[in-house]
N, C-alpha and C. Protein backbone atom coordinates (compact mmCIF):
# COMPACT_ATOMS: atom_id res chain seq x y z
N MET A 1 16.60 -7.77 -27.82
CA MET A 1 16.00 -9.08 -27.70
C MET A 1 14.67 -9.01 -26.95
N LYS A 2 14.65 -8.24 -25.84
CA LYS A 2 13.41 -8.14 -25.05
C LYS A 2 12.28 -7.57 -25.89
N HIS A 3 12.61 -6.57 -26.73
CA HIS A 3 11.58 -5.95 -27.56
C HIS A 3 11.05 -6.93 -28.60
N ALA A 4 11.92 -7.78 -29.10
CA ALA A 4 11.50 -8.79 -30.08
C ALA A 4 10.52 -9.77 -29.44
N ILE A 5 10.79 -10.15 -28.21
CA ILE A 5 9.89 -11.07 -27.50
C ILE A 5 8.53 -10.42 -27.29
N VAL A 6 8.55 -9.16 -26.86
CA VAL A 6 7.29 -8.44 -26.65
C VAL A 6 6.53 -8.35 -27.97
N ALA A 7 7.23 -8.03 -29.05
CA ALA A 7 6.58 -7.91 -30.36
C ALA A 7 5.95 -9.24 -30.78
N LEU A 8 6.67 -10.34 -30.56
CA LEU A 8 6.11 -11.65 -30.90
C LEU A 8 4.87 -11.97 -30.08
N GLN A 9 4.91 -11.61 -28.81
CA GLN A 9 3.75 -11.88 -27.96
C GLN A 9 2.56 -11.02 -28.36
N ILE A 10 2.82 -9.78 -28.74
CA ILE A 10 1.73 -8.92 -29.21
C ILE A 10 1.15 -9.49 -30.50
N PHE A 11 2.02 -9.92 -31.41
CA PHE A 11 1.57 -10.53 -32.65
C PHE A 11 0.70 -11.75 -32.37
N ALA A 12 1.14 -12.57 -31.42
CA ALA A 12 0.36 -13.77 -31.08
C ALA A 12 -1.02 -13.38 -30.57
N THR A 13 -1.09 -12.31 -29.81
CA THR A 13 -2.38 -11.87 -29.29
C THR A 13 -3.27 -11.36 -30.42
N LEU A 14 -2.69 -10.58 -31.33
CA LEU A 14 -3.48 -10.05 -32.44
C LEU A 14 -4.00 -11.16 -33.34
N THR A 15 -3.19 -12.16 -33.56
CA THR A 15 -3.64 -13.27 -34.41
C THR A 15 -4.60 -14.19 -33.68
N SER A 16 -4.67 -14.06 -32.37
CA SER A 16 -5.61 -14.85 -31.57
C SER A 16 -6.67 -13.95 -30.98
N SER A 17 -7.08 -12.93 -31.74
CA SER A 17 -7.98 -11.92 -31.20
C SER A 17 -9.31 -12.48 -30.73
N ALA A 18 -9.78 -13.54 -31.32
CA ALA A 18 -11.06 -14.11 -30.88
C ALA A 18 -10.96 -14.56 -29.43
N ARG A 19 -9.82 -15.16 -29.08
CA ARG A 19 -9.64 -15.60 -27.70
C ARG A 19 -9.44 -14.40 -26.78
N ALA A 20 -8.69 -13.41 -27.21
CA ALA A 20 -8.41 -12.26 -26.36
C ALA A 20 -9.65 -11.41 -26.14
N GLU A 21 -10.53 -11.34 -27.12
CA GLU A 21 -11.73 -10.52 -27.01
C GLU A 21 -12.77 -11.11 -26.09
N SER A 22 -12.57 -12.32 -25.61
CA SER A 22 -13.57 -12.94 -24.77
C SER A 22 -13.57 -12.38 -23.35
N PHE A 23 -12.64 -11.48 -23.05
CA PHE A 23 -12.57 -10.91 -21.71
C PHE A 23 -13.18 -9.51 -21.67
N THR A 24 -13.86 -9.23 -20.57
CA THR A 24 -14.39 -7.88 -20.36
C THR A 24 -13.23 -6.96 -19.99
N ARG A 25 -13.49 -5.68 -19.97
CA ARG A 25 -12.47 -4.70 -19.57
C ARG A 25 -11.99 -4.99 -18.14
N GLU A 26 -12.91 -5.31 -17.24
CA GLU A 26 -12.54 -5.61 -15.85
C GLU A 26 -11.67 -6.87 -15.78
N GLN A 27 -12.04 -7.88 -16.54
CA GLN A 27 -11.25 -9.12 -16.53
C GLN A 27 -9.84 -8.86 -17.08
N LYS A 28 -9.74 -8.09 -18.16
CA LYS A 28 -8.44 -7.77 -18.74
C LYS A 28 -7.60 -6.98 -17.73
N SER A 29 -8.22 -6.06 -17.04
CA SER A 29 -7.52 -5.27 -16.02
C SER A 29 -7.00 -6.18 -14.91
N THR A 30 -7.82 -7.14 -14.50
CA THR A 30 -7.41 -8.09 -13.47
C THR A 30 -6.26 -8.97 -13.96
N ILE A 31 -6.33 -9.41 -15.20
CA ILE A 31 -5.24 -10.21 -15.77
C ILE A 31 -3.95 -9.41 -15.80
N ASP A 32 -4.03 -8.12 -16.17
CA ASP A 32 -2.84 -7.26 -16.16
C ASP A 32 -2.26 -7.14 -14.75
N LEU A 33 -3.14 -6.97 -13.77
CA LEU A 33 -2.72 -6.88 -12.38
C LEU A 33 -2.04 -8.16 -11.93
N VAL A 34 -2.66 -9.29 -12.23
CA VAL A 34 -2.11 -10.59 -11.85
C VAL A 34 -0.75 -10.81 -12.51
N ALA A 35 -0.61 -10.37 -13.75
CA ALA A 35 0.67 -10.52 -14.45
C ALA A 35 1.78 -9.78 -13.71
N ARG A 36 1.48 -8.58 -13.23
CA ARG A 36 2.49 -7.81 -12.48
C ARG A 36 2.87 -8.54 -11.19
N ILE A 37 1.88 -9.10 -10.53
CA ILE A 37 2.15 -9.82 -9.29
C ILE A 37 2.97 -11.08 -9.57
N ILE A 38 2.64 -11.77 -10.64
CA ILE A 38 3.39 -12.98 -11.01
C ILE A 38 4.84 -12.63 -11.31
N VAL A 39 5.07 -11.57 -12.06
CA VAL A 39 6.45 -11.16 -12.35
C VAL A 39 7.18 -10.82 -11.05
N ALA A 40 6.53 -10.14 -10.14
CA ALA A 40 7.17 -9.77 -8.87
C ALA A 40 7.50 -11.00 -8.03
N GLY A 41 6.60 -11.97 -8.01
CA GLY A 41 6.73 -13.08 -7.07
C GLY A 41 7.30 -14.37 -7.62
N THR A 42 7.82 -14.36 -8.83
CA THR A 42 8.39 -15.58 -9.40
C THR A 42 9.81 -15.33 -9.90
N ASP A 43 10.51 -16.40 -10.14
CA ASP A 43 11.86 -16.37 -10.72
C ASP A 43 12.84 -15.50 -9.93
N ASP A 44 12.60 -15.34 -8.65
CA ASP A 44 13.47 -14.52 -7.81
C ASP A 44 13.61 -13.08 -8.31
N ASN A 45 12.61 -12.59 -9.03
CA ASN A 45 12.65 -11.21 -9.51
C ASN A 45 12.71 -10.25 -8.32
N CYS A 46 11.76 -10.38 -7.43
CA CYS A 46 11.77 -9.61 -6.18
C CYS A 46 12.16 -10.63 -5.11
N ARG A 47 13.41 -10.65 -4.77
CA ARG A 47 14.03 -11.75 -4.02
C ARG A 47 13.36 -12.16 -2.72
N HIS A 48 12.69 -11.26 -2.07
CA HIS A 48 12.17 -11.56 -0.74
C HIS A 48 10.68 -11.92 -0.71
N VAL A 49 10.06 -11.98 -1.90
CA VAL A 49 8.62 -12.27 -1.93
C VAL A 49 8.31 -13.40 -2.90
N VAL A 50 7.18 -14.04 -2.66
CA VAL A 50 6.64 -15.07 -3.55
C VAL A 50 5.14 -14.83 -3.70
N THR A 51 4.59 -15.37 -4.78
CA THR A 51 3.16 -15.23 -5.00
C THR A 51 2.38 -16.17 -4.09
N ILE A 52 1.18 -15.78 -3.81
CA ILE A 52 0.23 -16.64 -3.10
C ILE A 52 -0.74 -17.13 -4.18
N ASP A 53 -0.46 -18.30 -4.71
CA ASP A 53 -1.20 -18.81 -5.87
C ASP A 53 -2.70 -18.87 -5.63
N ARG A 54 -3.10 -19.31 -4.45
CA ARG A 54 -4.53 -19.40 -4.12
C ARG A 54 -5.19 -18.03 -4.24
N ALA A 55 -4.51 -16.99 -3.76
CA ALA A 55 -5.07 -15.64 -3.80
C ALA A 55 -5.16 -15.12 -5.24
N ILE A 56 -4.19 -15.49 -6.06
CA ILE A 56 -4.24 -15.09 -7.47
C ILE A 56 -5.42 -15.76 -8.16
N ALA A 57 -5.61 -17.04 -7.90
CA ALA A 57 -6.75 -17.76 -8.49
C ALA A 57 -8.07 -17.14 -8.03
N GLU A 58 -8.16 -16.78 -6.76
CA GLU A 58 -9.38 -16.15 -6.23
C GLU A 58 -9.61 -14.79 -6.88
N GLU A 59 -8.53 -14.05 -7.11
CA GLU A 59 -8.64 -12.73 -7.75
C GLU A 59 -9.23 -12.88 -9.16
N LEU A 60 -8.74 -13.86 -9.89
CA LEU A 60 -9.25 -14.11 -11.24
C LEU A 60 -10.71 -14.56 -11.20
N LEU A 61 -11.04 -15.48 -10.30
CA LEU A 61 -12.42 -15.94 -10.18
C LEU A 61 -13.35 -14.80 -9.80
N ASN A 62 -12.90 -13.94 -8.90
CA ASN A 62 -13.70 -12.80 -8.46
C ASN A 62 -14.00 -11.86 -9.63
N ALA A 63 -13.10 -11.79 -10.59
CA ALA A 63 -13.32 -10.94 -11.77
C ALA A 63 -14.15 -11.66 -12.83
N GLY A 64 -14.52 -12.90 -12.56
CA GLY A 64 -15.34 -13.65 -13.49
C GLY A 64 -14.57 -14.43 -14.53
N VAL A 65 -13.26 -14.59 -14.32
CA VAL A 65 -12.46 -15.40 -15.23
C VAL A 65 -12.61 -16.85 -14.77
N THR A 66 -13.33 -17.62 -15.55
CA THR A 66 -13.65 -18.99 -15.16
C THR A 66 -12.41 -19.89 -15.25
N PRO A 67 -12.44 -21.02 -14.56
CA PRO A 67 -11.32 -21.97 -14.69
C PRO A 67 -11.06 -22.39 -16.13
N ASP A 68 -12.15 -22.55 -16.92
CA ASP A 68 -11.96 -22.90 -18.33
C ASP A 68 -11.21 -21.81 -19.08
N GLN A 69 -11.57 -20.55 -18.83
CA GLN A 69 -10.86 -19.44 -19.46
C GLN A 69 -9.40 -19.39 -18.99
N GLN A 70 -9.20 -19.68 -17.70
CA GLN A 70 -7.84 -19.64 -17.17
C GLN A 70 -6.96 -20.67 -17.87
N MET A 71 -7.52 -21.80 -18.25
CA MET A 71 -6.74 -22.85 -18.89
C MET A 71 -6.61 -22.63 -20.39
N ASP A 72 -7.54 -21.92 -21.00
CA ASP A 72 -7.55 -21.82 -22.45
C ASP A 72 -7.18 -20.42 -22.93
N SER A 73 -8.14 -19.54 -22.96
CA SER A 73 -7.94 -18.25 -23.61
C SER A 73 -7.10 -17.26 -22.82
N MET A 74 -6.95 -17.45 -21.53
CA MET A 74 -6.17 -16.50 -20.75
C MET A 74 -4.68 -16.60 -21.04
N GLU A 75 -4.22 -17.73 -21.52
CA GLU A 75 -2.78 -17.93 -21.73
C GLU A 75 -2.17 -16.84 -22.61
N VAL A 76 -2.79 -16.53 -23.73
CA VAL A 76 -2.26 -15.52 -24.64
C VAL A 76 -2.31 -14.15 -23.99
N THR A 77 -3.44 -13.79 -23.41
CA THR A 77 -3.59 -12.49 -22.78
C THR A 77 -2.61 -12.33 -21.63
N LEU A 78 -2.46 -13.36 -20.81
CA LEU A 78 -1.54 -13.29 -19.69
C LEU A 78 -0.09 -13.17 -20.15
N SER A 79 0.29 -13.85 -21.21
CA SER A 79 1.68 -13.77 -21.66
C SER A 79 2.01 -12.36 -22.15
N VAL A 80 1.08 -11.70 -22.82
CA VAL A 80 1.31 -10.32 -23.26
C VAL A 80 1.39 -9.40 -22.04
N SER A 81 0.48 -9.57 -21.10
CA SER A 81 0.50 -8.74 -19.89
C SER A 81 1.79 -8.95 -19.11
N ARG A 82 2.25 -10.19 -19.04
CA ARG A 82 3.51 -10.47 -18.34
C ARG A 82 4.69 -9.82 -19.05
N ALA A 83 4.66 -9.78 -20.37
CA ALA A 83 5.74 -9.13 -21.13
C ALA A 83 5.80 -7.64 -20.80
N TYR A 84 4.65 -7.00 -20.73
CA TYR A 84 4.63 -5.59 -20.37
C TYR A 84 5.10 -5.38 -18.92
N ALA A 85 4.66 -6.24 -18.03
CA ALA A 85 5.09 -6.14 -16.63
C ALA A 85 6.59 -6.37 -16.53
N ARG A 86 7.09 -7.33 -17.27
CA ARG A 86 8.53 -7.62 -17.24
C ARG A 86 9.33 -6.44 -17.77
N SER A 87 8.81 -5.77 -18.77
CA SER A 87 9.47 -4.57 -19.30
C SER A 87 9.54 -3.49 -18.22
N SER A 88 8.46 -3.33 -17.49
CA SER A 88 8.44 -2.37 -16.38
C SER A 88 9.44 -2.76 -15.30
N TYR A 89 9.49 -4.05 -14.99
CA TYR A 89 10.45 -4.56 -14.02
C TYR A 89 11.88 -4.28 -14.49
N ASP A 90 12.17 -4.58 -15.73
CA ASP A 90 13.52 -4.40 -16.27
C ASP A 90 13.97 -2.95 -16.24
N SER A 91 13.04 -2.02 -16.40
CA SER A 91 13.42 -0.61 -16.41
C SER A 91 13.81 -0.10 -15.02
N ASN A 92 13.23 -0.68 -13.95
CA ASN A 92 13.59 -0.27 -12.60
C ASN A 92 13.12 -1.35 -11.61
N PRO A 93 13.91 -2.42 -11.45
CA PRO A 93 13.49 -3.53 -10.59
C PRO A 93 13.16 -3.14 -9.16
N SER A 94 13.96 -2.26 -8.60
CA SER A 94 13.74 -1.87 -7.20
C SER A 94 12.37 -1.19 -7.04
N ARG A 95 12.07 -0.26 -7.92
CA ARG A 95 10.79 0.44 -7.84
C ARG A 95 9.63 -0.52 -8.10
N PHE A 96 9.79 -1.39 -9.09
CA PHE A 96 8.74 -2.36 -9.43
C PHE A 96 8.42 -3.23 -8.21
N CYS A 97 9.46 -3.76 -7.57
CA CYS A 97 9.26 -4.64 -6.42
C CYS A 97 8.63 -3.90 -5.24
N LYS A 98 9.09 -2.70 -5.00
CA LYS A 98 8.54 -1.90 -3.91
C LYS A 98 7.05 -1.63 -4.14
N GLU A 99 6.70 -1.23 -5.36
CA GLU A 99 5.30 -0.94 -5.67
C GLU A 99 4.43 -2.19 -5.60
N ALA A 100 4.97 -3.32 -6.08
CA ALA A 100 4.21 -4.57 -6.03
C ALA A 100 3.92 -4.95 -4.58
N TRP A 101 4.93 -4.84 -3.71
CA TRP A 101 4.73 -5.18 -2.30
C TRP A 101 3.74 -4.22 -1.64
N GLN A 102 3.88 -2.92 -1.91
CA GLN A 102 2.98 -1.95 -1.31
C GLN A 102 1.54 -2.16 -1.77
N PHE A 103 1.38 -2.72 -2.96
CA PHE A 103 0.05 -2.95 -3.49
C PHE A 103 -0.53 -4.29 -3.04
N ALA A 104 0.24 -5.37 -3.19
CA ALA A 104 -0.32 -6.71 -2.98
C ALA A 104 0.36 -7.50 -1.87
N GLY A 105 1.20 -6.84 -1.10
CA GLY A 105 1.85 -7.52 0.02
C GLY A 105 1.03 -7.40 1.29
N GLU A 106 1.61 -7.87 2.37
CA GLU A 106 0.94 -7.78 3.67
C GLU A 106 0.64 -6.31 3.97
N LYS A 107 -0.60 -6.02 4.33
CA LYS A 107 -1.08 -4.67 4.60
C LYS A 107 -0.96 -3.76 3.39
N GLY A 108 -1.02 -4.35 2.18
CA GLY A 108 -0.97 -3.57 0.95
C GLY A 108 -2.28 -2.85 0.69
N THR A 109 -2.27 -2.00 -0.30
CA THR A 109 -3.46 -1.20 -0.60
C THR A 109 -4.54 -1.99 -1.32
N HIS A 110 -4.20 -3.11 -1.92
CA HIS A 110 -5.20 -3.93 -2.61
C HIS A 110 -5.97 -4.76 -1.58
N LYS A 111 -7.20 -5.06 -1.90
CA LYS A 111 -8.06 -5.77 -0.94
C LYS A 111 -7.60 -7.19 -0.65
N ARG A 112 -6.81 -7.77 -1.54
CA ARG A 112 -6.38 -9.16 -1.37
C ARG A 112 -4.87 -9.22 -1.40
N GLN A 113 -4.29 -9.84 -0.40
CA GLN A 113 -2.84 -10.04 -0.38
C GLN A 113 -2.49 -11.18 -1.34
N MET A 114 -1.60 -10.88 -2.31
CA MET A 114 -1.21 -11.88 -3.30
C MET A 114 0.30 -12.15 -3.28
N LEU A 115 1.02 -11.41 -2.43
CA LEU A 115 2.46 -11.63 -2.25
C LEU A 115 2.72 -11.84 -0.77
N GLU A 116 3.72 -12.70 -0.48
CA GLU A 116 4.12 -12.89 0.90
C GLU A 116 5.63 -12.99 0.96
N ILE A 117 6.17 -12.74 2.17
CA ILE A 117 7.61 -12.84 2.39
C ILE A 117 8.00 -14.31 2.31
N LYS A 118 9.15 -14.57 1.69
CA LYS A 118 9.66 -15.97 1.60
C LYS A 118 9.98 -16.49 2.97
């Protein structure tokens, strides 16, 4: 079932290629990063952390993803990125959560903290 969902989301992205192509490589990389953080910090996936929404929005803005893009064309790209992140989470939730915290948590290796303890 999970693979079918991923396949549908990839298909949606391919059929919406005009919207997906509007992002630079850096912006796409940032969207992929944000997707991993969102998976870690929502739906009790990583039970002890939550996302810092303001920091995620700032991360996207810093990469040049405008608010208009965030509302329109990013939806398809983000859903595909989230599907890949979710697949990574499903394969090893403990490792996924640990890496997400070490990267985007308090004193993480990323320049901006995007996860916090509940």
